[in-house]
Amino acid sequence: MERTRSLRKRQGFEGQKLIVLPKKIMTEFLTKDPITRQTYITDIGHYPKAKFHYVERPGGISQHIIIYCVEGRGWIEIDKKRMEIGPSQFIAIPANVAHKYAANEKDPWTIYWIHFKGEIAAYIVELILQNSKNYQPELAYNENRIKLFADIYANLEKGYSQDNLRYVNMIFYHFLSSLLYEDKFNYIENRKEGDVIALTIELMQKKIHTIVSLQEFADFAKLSVSHFSAVFREKTGYSPIEYFNHLKIQKACQYLLLTNMTVKEMAISLGVDDQYYFSRMFSKLMGYSPVEYRKRNKSASQ
């Protein structure tokens, strides 16, 4: 045990990468810029096969922490609750919370980690924790997520120009969204065949030029109308018909900007016989009538 303690180290691993942003950069720019002050990176690193890695912070730190394990194993203790960590798992540690963690001695982890702060950083961490169990969400490995991290790191190596700092922290939002909304991040590559809501939305896109009833959508999903509606709203935040209408309006915006179709023509094309009803529906969602929308956006692009 004494030998293990003597070998414990916080950093100094072969192949490691580590950047700590200067305090001056944070106080003079990151905390004041309207884009970066919302959420910004303070430290970032990659520790490959981090044998004897060990960190203990009895009082926590002022930053929030994300640790993403891609191979090997380790453990983490948060508020005296210990958890084992393996490949494709990540940890979110809120700021100012006591914690300690270490790599497994026989199979040390390879981790990507980021410390961050900002006006909405605590809210983002809370969202992550609400969607996870015991601070420890599972992730499917996705090379695109690693590329986001690599892009952030590579650009930080170039220096701390204002444009560079805005760029990397805007990418960081995407990285965080890949952790928080993994199903959406992996949707194109790994869509589940049994995801009836995703399949229904695909059907909506195919049937966007027609009228489809709620009953038809429920029949397609092989669910009762009430159950289908409840599941759909839980997944999307909207009722099925409301969502379908949003897709129709999205298509209408494209028609208004890219074609010379009249409002009546596009309403009929989208399965709405009453052009006045269509105009009201469009205005309610977009804040402008179709004619006003076309005029405002076409003049803006000239």
C-alpha atoms as a PDB file:
ATOM      1  CA  MET A   1       0.000   0.000   0.000  1.00  0.00           C
ATOM      2  CA  GLU A   2       2.832   2.416   0.850  1.00  0.00           C
ATOM      3  CA  ARG A   3       4.396   1.752  -2.546  1.00  0.00           C
ATOM      4  CA  THR A   4       1.089   2.534  -4.291  1.00  0.00           C
ATOM      5  CA  ARG A   5       0.759   5.799  -2.429  1.00  0.00           C
ATOM      6  CA  SER A   6       4.257   6.860  -3.396  1.00  0.00           C
ATOM      7  CA  LEU A   7       3.458   6.248  -7.061  1.00  0.00           C
ATOM      8  CA  ARG A   8       0.198   8.200  -7.098  1.00  0.00           C
ATOM      9  CA  LYS A   9       0.351  11.211  -9.385  1.00  0.00           C
ATOM     10  CA  ARG A  10      -2.013  13.843 -10.693  1.00  0.00           C
ATOM     11  CA  GLN A  11      -0.236  14.229 -14.022  1.00  0.00           C
ATOM     12  CA  GLY A  12       2.955  13.304 -15.828  1.00  0.00           C
ATOM     13  CA  PHE A  13       1.767  10.457 -18.079  1.00  0.00           C
ATOM     14  CA  GLU A  14       3.422   9.449 -21.333  1.00  0.00           C
ATOM     15  CA  GLY A  15       1.604  11.080 -24.233  1.00  0.00           C
ATOM     16  CA  GLN A  16      -0.488  13.342 -22.006  1.00  0.00           C
ATOM     17  CA  LYS A  17      -1.896  16.646 -23.244  1.00  0.00           C
ATOM     18  CA  LEU A  18      -2.767  19.494 -20.927  1.00  0.00           C
ATOM     19  CA  ILE A  19      -3.713  23.171 -21.283  1.00  0.00           C
ATOM     20  CA  VAL A  20      -4.578  25.521 -18.414  1.00  0.00           C
ATOM     21  CA  LEU A  21      -5.930  28.858 -19.591  1.00  0.00           C
ATOM     22  CA  PRO A  22      -4.281  31.899 -17.986  1.00  0.00           C
ATOM     23  CA  LYS A  23      -6.278  33.612 -15.279  1.00  0.00           C
ATOM     24  CA  LYS A  24      -5.804  36.939 -17.054  1.00  0.00           C
ATOM     25  CA  ILE A  25      -7.519  35.576 -20.180  1.00  0.00           C
ATOM     26  CA  MET A  26     -10.480  34.423 -18.098  1.00  0.00           C
ATOM     27  CA  THR A  27     -10.930  37.626 -16.113  1.00  0.00           C
ATOM     28  CA  GLU A  28     -10.325  40.048 -18.983  1.00  0.00           C
ATOM     29  CA  PHE A  29     -12.226  38.255 -21.734  1.00  0.00           C
ATOM     30  CA  LEU A  30     -13.956  34.921 -21.049  1.00  0.00           C
ATOM     31  CA  THR A  31     -16.015  36.197 -18.122  1.00  0.00           C
ATOM     32  CA  LYS A  32     -17.045  39.371 -19.981  1.00  0.00           C
ATOM     33  CA  ASP A  33     -17.650  38.407 -23.597  1.00  0.00           C
ATOM     34  CA  PRO A  34     -21.394  37.844 -24.266  1.00  0.00           C
ATOM     35  CA  ILE A  35     -20.670  34.522 -26.002  1.00  0.00           C
ATOM     36  CA  THR A  36     -18.029  32.953 -23.768  1.00  0.00           C
ATOM     37  CA  ARG A  37     -19.254  34.135 -20.376  1.00  0.00           C
ATOM     38  CA  GLN A  38     -22.176  31.717 -20.577  1.00  0.00           C
ATOM     39  CA  THR A  39     -19.917  28.644 -20.520  1.00  0.00           C
ATOM     40  CA  TYR A  40     -16.159  28.564 -21.009  1.00  0.00           C
ATOM     41  CA  ILE A  41     -13.281  26.101 -20.651  1.00  0.00           C
ATOM     42  CA  THR A  42     -10.638  26.775 -17.984  1.00  0.00           C
ATOM     43  CA  ASP A  43      -8.547  23.574 -18.301  1.00  0.00           C
ATOM     44  CA  ILE A  44      -8.486  20.699 -20.785  1.00  0.00           C
ATOM     45  CA  GLY A  45      -6.488  17.511 -21.091  1.00  0.00           C
ATOM     46  CA  HIS A  46      -6.050  13.974 -22.363  1.00  0.00           C
ATOM     47  CA  TYR A  47      -4.357  11.309 -20.229  1.00  0.00           C
ATOM     48  CA  PRO A  48      -3.671   8.045 -22.115  1.00  0.00           C
ATOM     49  CA  LYS A  49      -3.255   4.916 -19.975  1.00  0.00           C
ATOM     50  CA  ALA A  50      -2.804   7.082 -16.898  1.00  0.00           C
ATOM     51  CA  LYS A  51      -1.224   4.552 -14.545  1.00  0.00           C
ATOM     52  CA  PHE A  52      -1.272   5.598 -10.872  1.00  0.00           C
ATOM     53  CA  HIS A  53      -3.426   8.638 -11.700  1.00  0.00           C
ATOM     54  CA  TYR A  54      -4.942   9.917  -8.455  1.00  0.00           C
ATOM     55  CA  VAL A  55      -6.666  13.171  -7.483  1.00  0.00           C
ATOM     56  CA  GLU A  56      -8.247  14.105  -4.156  1.00  0.00           C
ATOM     57  CA  ARG A  57     -10.041  17.404  -3.521  1.00  0.00           C
ATOM     58  CA  PRO A  58     -11.749  17.451  -0.093  1.00  0.00           C
ATOM     59  CA  GLY A  59     -13.397  20.805  -0.801  1.00  0.00           C
ATOM     60  CA  GLY A  60     -13.918  20.394  -4.535  1.00  0.00           C
ATOM     61  CA  ILE A  61     -12.837  23.133  -6.942  1.00  0.00           C
ATOM     62  CA  SER A  62     -14.537  26.214  -8.341  1.00  0.00           C
ATOM     63  CA  GLN A  63     -14.911  24.670 -11.821  1.00  0.00           C
ATOM     64  CA  HIS A  64     -17.269  21.949 -13.007  1.00  0.00           C
ATOM     65  CA  ILE A  65     -15.525  18.844 -14.334  1.00  0.00           C
ATOM     66  CA  ILE A  66     -16.252  16.403 -17.155  1.00  0.00           C
ATOM     67  CA  ILE A  67     -14.170  13.196 -17.276  1.00  0.00           C
ATOM     68  CA  TYR A  68     -14.788  10.932 -20.263  1.00  0.00           C
ATOM     69  CA  CYS A  69     -13.253   7.429 -20.134  1.00  0.00           C
ATOM     70  CA  VAL A  70     -12.647   5.765 -23.511  1.00  0.00           C
ATOM     71  CA  GLU A  71     -10.673   2.716 -22.367  1.00  0.00           C
ATOM     72  CA  GLY A  72      -9.372   1.123 -19.207  1.00  0.00           C
ATOM     73  CA  ARG A  73     -10.924   1.572 -15.801  1.00  0.00           C
ATOM     74  CA  GLY A  74     -10.916   3.757 -12.738  1.00  0.00           C
ATOM     75  CA  TRP A  75     -13.067   4.855  -9.844  1.00  0.00           C
ATOM     76  CA  ILE A  76     -14.457   8.083  -8.525  1.00  0.00           C
ATOM     77  CA  GLU A  77     -15.882   9.071  -5.167  1.00  0.00           C
ATOM     78  CA  ILE A  78     -18.290  12.008  -4.965  1.00  0.00           C
ATOM     79  CA  ASP A  79     -19.699  13.034  -1.595  1.00  0.00           C
ATOM     80  CA  LYS A  80     -18.357   9.752  -0.152  1.00  0.00           C
ATOM     81  CA  LYS A  81     -20.163   7.646  -2.759  1.00  0.00           C
ATOM     82  CA  ARG A  82     -17.762   5.510  -4.784  1.00  0.00           C
ATOM     83  CA  MET A  83     -18.410   4.379  -8.375  1.00  0.00           C
ATOM     84  CA  GLU A  84     -16.425   2.232 -10.775  1.00  0.00           C
ATOM     85  CA  ILE A  85     -15.823   3.780 -14.209  1.00  0.00           C
ATOM     86  CA  GLY A  86     -15.160   1.922 -17.447  1.00  0.00           C
ATOM     87  CA  PRO A  87     -14.997   2.511 -21.196  1.00  0.00           C
ATOM     88  CA  SER A  88     -17.703   4.699 -22.752  1.00  0.00           C
ATOM     89  CA  GLN A  89     -18.700   6.257 -19.437  1.00  0.00           C
ATOM     90  CA  PHE A  90     -18.309   9.849 -18.337  1.00  0.00           C
ATOM     91  CA  ILE A  91     -18.506  11.668 -15.045  1.00  0.00           C
ATOM     92  CA  ALA A  92     -19.933  15.113 -14.354  1.00  0.00           C
ATOM     93  CA  ILE A  93     -18.645  16.632 -11.104  1.00  0.00           C
ATOM     94  CA  PRO A  94     -20.329  19.851  -9.958  1.00  0.00           C
ATOM     95  CA  ALA A  95     -18.206  22.715  -8.700  1.00  0.00           C
ATOM     96  CA  ASN A  96     -17.380  22.868  -4.985  1.00  0.00           C
ATOM     97  CA  VAL A  97     -18.318  19.217  -4.354  1.00  0.00           C
ATOM     98  CA  ALA A  98     -15.812  17.010  -2.497  1.00  0.00           C
ATOM     99  CA  HIS A  99     -14.405  14.264  -4.705  1.00  0.00           C
ATOM    100  CA  LYS A 100     -11.504  11.984  -5.438  1.00  0.00           C
ATOM    101  CA  TYR A 101     -10.716   9.615  -8.273  1.00  0.00           C
ATOM    102  CA  ALA A 102      -8.041   7.245  -9.500  1.00  0.00           C
ATOM    103  CA  ALA A 103      -7.112   4.958 -12.348  1.00  0.00           C
ATOM    104  CA  ASN A 104      -7.321   1.209 -11.910  1.00  0.00           C
ATOM    105  CA  GLU A 105      -3.804  -0.066 -11.139  1.00  0.00           C
ATOM    106  CA  LYS A 106      -4.027  -3.116 -13.435  1.00  0.00           C
ATOM    107  CA  ASP A 107      -6.059  -1.552 -16.251  1.00  0.00           C
ATOM    108  CA  PRO A 108      -5.512   2.234 -16.020  1.00  0.00           C
ATOM    109  CA  TRP A 109      -7.999   4.449 -17.780  1.00  0.00           C
ATOM    110  CA  THR A 110      -7.545   6.671 -20.802  1.00  0.00           C
ATOM    111  CA  ILE A 111      -9.538   9.828 -20.223  1.00  0.00           C
ATOM    112  CA  TYR A 112     -10.453  13.117 -21.847  1.00  0.00           C
ATOM    113  CA  TRP A 113     -11.260  15.794 -19.304  1.00  0.00           C
ATOM    114  CA  ILE A 114     -12.418  19.408 -19.229  1.00  0.00           C
ATOM    115  CA  HIS A 115     -12.888  21.927 -16.427  1.00  0.00           C
ATOM    116  CA  PHE A 116     -15.338  24.726 -17.140  1.00  0.00           C
ATOM    117  CA  LYS A 117     -17.228  27.647 -15.620  1.00  0.00           C
ATOM    118  CA  GLY A 118     -19.744  30.263 -16.707  1.00  0.00           C
ATOM    119  CA  GLU A 119     -23.121  31.783 -16.000  1.00  0.00           C
ATOM    120  CA  ILE A 120     -25.078  28.716 -17.155  1.00  0.00           C
ATOM    121  CA  ALA A 121     -22.438  26.047 -16.472  1.00  0.00           C
ATOM    122  CA  ALA A 122     -24.147  24.863 -13.270  1.00  0.00           C
ATOM    123  CA  TYR A 123     -27.443  24.526 -15.127  1.00  0.00           C
ATOM    124  CA  ILE A 124     -25.814  22.396 -17.833  1.00  0.00           C
ATOM    125  CA  VAL A 125     -24.271  20.105 -15.223  1.00  0.00           C
ATOM    126  CA  GLU A 126     -27.643  19.804 -13.507  1.00  0.00           C
ATOM    127  CA  LEU A 127     -29.230  18.768 -16.814  1.00  0.00           C
ATOM    128  CA  ILE A 128     -26.543  16.123 -17.268  1.00  0.00           C
ATOM    129  CA  LEU A 129     -27.075  14.785 -13.758  1.00  0.00           C
ATOM    130  CA  GLN A 130     -30.841  14.683 -14.225  1.00  0.00           C
ATOM    131  CA  ASN A 131     -30.321  12.451 -17.266  1.00  0.00           C
ATOM    132  CA  SER A 132     -27.801  10.169 -15.585  1.00  0.00           C
ATOM    133  CA  LYS A 133     -27.611   7.683 -12.765  1.00  0.00           C
ATOM    134  CA  ASN A 134     -25.166   8.308  -9.952  1.00  0.00           C
ATOM    135  CA  TYR A 135     -23.203  10.918 -11.928  1.00  0.00           C
ATOM    136  CA  GLN A 136     -22.200   8.163 -14.366  1.00  0.00           C
ATOM    137  CA  PRO A 137     -23.910   8.159 -17.782  1.00  0.00           C
ATOM    138  CA  GLU A 138     -23.142   5.559 -20.438  1.00  0.00           C
ATOM    139  CA  LEU A 139     -22.100   6.719 -23.906  1.00  0.00           C
ATOM    140  CA  ALA A 140     -21.765   4.943 -27.201  1.00  0.00           C
ATOM    141  CA  TYR A 141     -18.296   5.534 -28.608  1.00  0.00           C
ATOM    142  CA  ASN A 142     -18.444   8.102 -31.379  1.00  0.00           C
ATOM    143  CA  GLU A 143     -15.362   9.265 -33.259  1.00  0.00           C
ATOM    144  CA  ASN A 144     -17.057  12.600 -33.973  1.00  0.00           C
ATOM    145  CA  ARG A 145     -17.125  13.390 -30.250  1.00  0.00           C
ATOM    146  CA  ILE A 146     -13.375  12.792 -30.014  1.00  0.00           C
ATOM    147  CA  LYS A 147     -12.876  15.009 -33.067  1.00  0.00           C
ATOM    148  CA  LEU A 148     -14.717  17.835 -31.296  1.00  0.00           C
ATOM    149  CA  PHE A 149     -12.348  17.514 -28.345  1.00  0.00           C
ATOM    150  CA  ALA A 150      -9.327  17.404 -30.674  1.00  0.00           C
ATOM    151  CA  ASP A 151     -10.558  20.509 -32.502  1.00  0.00           C
ATOM    152  CA  ILE A 152     -10.939  22.400 -29.224  1.00  0.00           C
ATOM    153  CA  TYR A 153      -7.484  21.377 -28.042  1.00  0.00           C
ATOM    154  CA  ALA A 154      -5.712  22.062 -31.344  1.00  0.00           C
ATOM    155  CA  ASN A 155      -7.160  25.549 -31.577  1.00  0.00           C
ATOM    156  CA  LEU A 156      -6.324  26.408 -27.975  1.00  0.00           C
ATOM    157  CA  GLU A 157      -2.726  25.468 -28.793  1.00  0.00           C
ATOM    158  CA  LYS A 158      -2.755  28.258 -31.390  1.00  0.00           C
ATOM    159  CA  GLY A 159      -3.221  30.921 -28.715  1.00  0.00           C
ATOM    160  CA  TYR A 160      -5.843  33.084 -27.067  1.00  0.00           C
ATOM    161  CA  SER A 161      -7.108  35.514 -29.658  1.00  0.00           C
ATOM    162  CA  GLN A 162     -10.690  36.582 -29.049  1.00  0.00           C
ATOM    163  CA  ASP A 163     -11.970  34.885 -32.189  1.00  0.00           C
ATOM    164  CA  ASN A 164     -10.155  31.685 -31.258  1.00  0.00           C
ATOM    165  CA  LEU A 165     -11.611  31.679 -27.744  1.00  0.00           C
ATOM    166  CA  ARG A 166     -15.122  32.240 -29.074  1.00  0.00           C
ATOM    167  CA  TYR A 167     -14.652  29.460 -31.611  1.00  0.00           C
ATOM    168  CA  VAL A 168     -13.426  26.797 -29.166  1.00  0.00           C
ATOM    169  CA  ASN A 169     -16.102  27.580 -26.600  1.00  0.00           C
ATOM    170  CA  MET A 170     -18.833  27.427 -29.225  1.00  0.00           C
ATOM    171  CA  ILE A 171     -17.475  23.989 -30.181  1.00  0.00           C
ATOM    172  CA  PHE A 172     -17.560  23.130 -26.482  1.00  0.00           C
ATOM    173  CA  TYR A 173     -21.319  23.682 -26.516  1.00  0.00           C
ATOM    174  CA  HIS A 174     -21.512  21.028 -29.233  1.00  0.00           C
ATOM    175  CA  PHE A 175     -19.321  18.699 -27.173  1.00  0.00           C
ATOM    176  CA  LEU A 176     -21.581  19.156 -24.144  1.00  0.00           C
ATOM    177  CA  SER A 177     -24.677  18.563 -26.260  1.00  0.00           C
ATOM    178  CA  SER A 178     -23.141  15.281 -27.449  1.00  0.00           C
ATOM    179  CA  LEU A 179     -23.007  14.167 -23.813  1.00  0.00           C
ATOM    180  CA  LEU A 180     -26.394  15.505 -22.837  1.00  0.00           C
ATOM    181  CA  TYR A 181     -28.353  14.496 -25.950  1.00  0.00           C
ATOM    182  CA  GLU A 182     -26.463  11.441 -27.132  1.00  0.00           C
ATOM    183  CA  ASP A 183     -29.435   9.982 -29.011  1.00  0.00           C
ATOM    184  CA  LYS A 184     -29.595  13.077 -31.207  1.00  0.00           C
ATOM    185  CA  PHE A 185     -25.807  13.261 -31.637  1.00  0.00           C
ATOM    186  CA  ASN A 186     -25.720   9.632 -32.825  1.00  0.00           C
ATOM    187  CA  TYR A 187     -29.012   9.747 -34.700  1.00  0.00           C
ATOM    188  CA  ILE A 188     -27.770   9.538 -38.292  1.00  0.00           C
ATOM    189  CA  GLU A 189     -25.305   6.721 -37.677  1.00  0.00           C
ATOM    190  CA  ASN A 190     -27.074   4.731 -35.001  1.00  0.00           C
ATOM    191  CA  ARG A 191     -30.796   5.250 -35.300  1.00  0.00           C
ATOM    192  CA  LYS A 192     -32.625   2.448 -33.528  1.00  0.00           C
ATOM    193  CA  GLU A 193     -34.985   0.588 -35.782  1.00  0.00           C
ATOM    194  CA  GLY A 194     -37.436   0.232 -32.915  1.00  0.00           C
ATOM    195  CA  ASP A 195     -37.648   3.937 -32.130  1.00  0.00           C
ATOM    196  CA  VAL A 196     -41.269   4.511 -33.115  1.00  0.00           C
ATOM    197  CA  ILE A 197     -41.109   8.272 -32.525  1.00  0.00           C
ATOM    198  CA  ALA A 198     -38.073   8.683 -34.796  1.00  0.00           C
ATOM    199  CA  LEU A 199     -39.768   6.504 -37.404  1.00  0.00           C
ATOM    200  CA  THR A 200     -42.970   8.527 -37.091  1.00  0.00           C
ATOM    201  CA  ILE A 201     -41.071  11.773 -37.641  1.00  0.00           C
ATOM    202  CA  GLU A 202     -39.543  10.234 -40.763  1.00  0.00           C
ATOM    203  CA  LEU A 203     -43.061   9.371 -41.909  1.00  0.00           C
ATOM    204  CA  MET A 204     -44.128  12.964 -41.262  1.00  0.00           C
ATOM    205  CA  GLN A 205     -41.302  14.194 -43.470  1.00  0.00           C
ATOM    206  CA  LYS A 206     -42.341  11.809 -46.246  1.00  0.00           C
ATOM    207  CA  LYS A 207     -46.033  12.747 -45.898  1.00  0.00           C
ATOM    208  CA  ILE A 208     -45.452  16.470 -45.492  1.00  0.00           C
ATOM    209  CA  HIS A 209     -47.453  17.229 -48.668  1.00  0.00           C
ATOM    210  CA  THR A 210     -50.534  15.367 -47.432  1.00  0.00           C
ATOM    211  CA  ILE A 211     -53.062  15.383 -44.623  1.00  0.00           C
ATOM    212  CA  VAL A 212     -52.418  12.683 -42.023  1.00  0.00           C
ATOM    213  CA  SER A 213     -54.653  12.181 -39.002  1.00  0.00           C
ATOM    214  CA  LEU A 214     -53.528  11.502 -35.460  1.00  0.00           C
ATOM    215  CA  GLN A 215     -55.150   8.078 -35.715  1.00  0.00           C
ATOM    216  CA  GLU A 216     -53.019   7.239 -38.762  1.00  0.00           C
ATOM    217  CA  PHE A 217     -49.831   8.204 -36.937  1.00  0.00           C
ATOM    218  CA  ALA A 218     -50.844   6.124 -33.918  1.00  0.00           C
ATOM    219  CA  ASP A 219     -51.673   3.158 -36.155  1.00  0.00           C
ATOM    220  CA  PHE A 220     -48.260   3.456 -37.809  1.00  0.00           C
ATOM    221  CA  ALA A 221     -46.603   3.367 -34.362  1.00  0.00           C
ATOM    222  CA  LYS A 222     -48.865   0.448 -33.339  1.00  0.00           C
ATOM    223  CA  LEU A 223     -49.993   2.329 -30.237  1.00  0.00           C
ATOM    224  CA  SER A 224     -53.297   3.674 -29.006  1.00  0.00           C
ATOM    225  CA  VAL A 225     -53.907   7.354 -29.774  1.00  0.00           C
ATOM    226  CA  SER A 226     -53.615   8.363 -26.129  1.00  0.00           C
ATOM    227  CA  HIS A 227     -50.444   6.352 -25.495  1.00  0.00           C
ATOM    228  CA  PHE A 228     -48.826   7.463 -28.739  1.00  0.00           C
ATOM    229  CA  SER A 229     -49.628  11.120 -28.038  1.00  0.00           C
ATOM    230  CA  ALA A 230     -48.181  10.880 -24.528  1.00  0.00           C
ATOM    231  CA  VAL A 231     -44.972   9.187 -25.692  1.00  0.00           C
ATOM    232  CA  PHE A 232     -44.562  11.611 -28.589  1.00  0.00           C
ATOM    233  CA  ARG A 233     -44.987  14.663 -26.348  1.00  0.00           C
ATOM    234  CA  GLU A 234     -42.546  13.226 -23.788  1.00  0.00           C
ATOM    235  CA  LYS A 235     -39.897  12.747 -26.503  1.00  0.00           C
ATOM    236  CA  THR A 236     -40.396  16.001 -28.430  1.00  0.00           C
ATOM    237  CA  GLY A 237     -42.236  18.442 -26.176  1.00  0.00           C
ATOM    238  CA  TYR A 238     -45.085  18.779 -28.710  1.00  0.00           C
ATOM    239  CA  SER A 239     -48.218  16.927 -29.727  1.00  0.00           C
ATOM    240  CA  PRO A 240     -47.887  14.872 -32.944  1.00  0.00           C
ATOM    241  CA  ILE A 241     -50.085  17.168 -35.057  1.00  0.00           C
ATOM    242  CA  GLU A 242     -48.394  20.292 -33.712  1.00  0.00           C
ATOM    243  CA  TYR A 243     -45.014  18.788 -34.601  1.00  0.00           C
ATOM    244  CA  PHE A 244     -46.279  17.813 -38.062  1.00  0.00           C
ATOM    245  CA  ASN A 245     -47.463  21.381 -38.625  1.00  0.00           C
ATOM    246  CA  HIS A 246     -44.054  22.699 -37.552  1.00  0.00           C
ATOM    247  CA  LEU A 247     -42.455  20.575 -40.270  1.00  0.00           C
ATOM    248  CA  LYS A 248     -44.930  21.956 -42.799  1.00  0.00           C
ATOM    249  CA  ILE A 249     -44.063  25.520 -41.792  1.00  0.00           C
ATOM    250  CA  GLN A 250     -40.361  24.700 -42.025  1.00  0.00           C
ATOM    251  CA  LYS A 251     -40.935  23.536 -45.607  1.00  0.00           C
ATOM    252  CA  ALA A 252     -43.045  26.627 -46.304  1.00  0.00           C
ATOM    253  CA  CYS A 253     -40.127  28.862 -45.245  1.00  0.00           C
ATOM    254  CA  GLN A 254     -37.976  27.120 -47.826  1.00  0.00           C
ATOM    255  CA  TYR A 255     -40.625  27.661 -50.503  1.00  0.00           C
ATOM    256  CA  LEU A 256     -40.913  31.343 -49.608  1.00  0.00           C
ATOM    257  CA  LEU A 257     -37.181  31.920 -49.932  1.00  0.00           C
ATOM    258  CA  LEU A 258     -36.308  29.589 -52.802  1.00  0.00           C
ATOM    259  CA  THR A 259     -39.369  29.633 -55.090  1.00  0.00           C
ATOM    260  CA  ASN A 260     -41.953  32.038 -56.479  1.00  0.00           C
ATOM    261  CA  MET A 261     -44.907  29.941 -55.331  1.00  0.00           C
ATOM    262  CA  THR A 262     -47.943  31.883 -54.131  1.00  0.00           C
ATOM    263  CA  VAL A 263     -49.234  31.364 -50.618  1.00  0.00           C
ATOM    264  CA  LYS A 264     -52.196  29.447 -52.041  1.00  0.00           C
ATOM    265  CA  GLU A 265     -49.920  27.186 -54.093  1.00  0.00           C
ATOM    266  CA  MET A 266     -47.686  26.316 -51.193  1.00  0.00           C
ATOM    267  CA  ALA A 267     -50.639  25.742 -48.861  1.00  0.00           C
ATOM    268  CA  ILE A 268     -52.115  23.241 -51.323  1.00  0.00           C
ATOM    269  CA  SER A 269     -48.674  21.683 -51.824  1.00  0.00           C
ATOM    270  CA  LEU A 270     -48.451  21.118 -48.072  1.00  0.00           C
ATOM    271  CA  GLY A 271     -51.868  19.516 -47.821  1.00  0.00           C
ATOM    272  CA  VAL A 272     -53.743  22.580 -46.509  1.00  0.00           C
ATOM    273  CA  ASP A 273     -56.747  23.503 -48.664  1.00  0.00           C
ATOM    274  CA  ASP A 274     -57.527  26.760 -46.845  1.00  0.00           C
ATOM    275  CA  GLN A 275     -54.790  29.291 -47.584  1.00  0.00           C
ATOM    276  CA  TYR A 276     -56.098  31.642 -44.874  1.00  0.00           C
ATOM    277  CA  TYR A 277     -55.885  28.920 -42.244  1.00  0.00           C
ATOM    278  CA  PHE A 278     -52.372  28.186 -43.508  1.00  0.00           C
ATOM    279  CA  SER A 279     -51.403  31.870 -43.236  1.00  0.00           C
ATOM    280  CA  ARG A 280     -52.704  32.036 -39.649  1.00  0.00           C
ATOM    281  CA  MET A 281     -50.789  28.882 -38.756  1.00  0.00           C
ATOM    282  CA  PHE A 282     -47.622  30.308 -40.329  1.00  0.00           C
ATOM    283  CA  SER A 283     -47.998  33.685 -38.577  1.00  0.00           C
ATOM    284  CA  LYS A 284     -48.579  32.071 -35.197  1.00  0.00           C
ATOM    285  CA  LEU A 285     -45.336  30.104 -35.390  1.00  0.00           C
ATOM    286  CA  MET A 286     -43.052  32.499 -37.279  1.00  0.00           C
ATOM    287  CA  GLY A 287     -44.346  35.854 -36.038  1.00  0.00           C
ATOM    288  CA  TYR A 288     -44.943  37.141 -39.586  1.00  0.00           C
ATOM    289  CA  SER A 289     -47.385  36.369 -42.348  1.00  0.00           C
ATOM    290  CA  PRO A 290     -45.943  34.341 -45.273  1.00  0.00           C
ATOM    291  CA  VAL A 291     -45.848  37.474 -47.443  1.00  0.00           C
ATOM    292  CA  GLU A 292     -44.085  39.514 -44.732  1.00  0.00           C
ATOM    293  CA  TYR A 293     -41.636  36.669 -44.103  1.00  0.00           C
ATOM    294  CA  ARG A 294     -40.704  36.479 -47.802  1.00  0.00           C
ATOM    295  CA  LYS A 295     -40.294  40.247 -48.078  1.00  0.00           C
ATOM    296  CA  ARG A 296     -38.176  40.614 -44.930  1.00  0.00           C
ATOM    297  CA  ASN A 297     -35.856  37.700 -45.613  1.00  0.00           C
ATOM    298  CA  LYS A 298     -35.389  38.273 -49.325  1.00  0.00           C
ATOM    299  CA  SER A 299     -34.538  41.933 -48.775  1.00  0.00           C
ATOM    300  CA  ALA A 300     -32.084  40.942 -46.020  1.00  0.00           C
ATOM    301  CA  SER A 301     -30.234  38.580 -48.352  1.00  0.00           C
ATOM    302  CA  GLN A 302     -29.774  41.172 -51.115  1.00  0.00           C
END
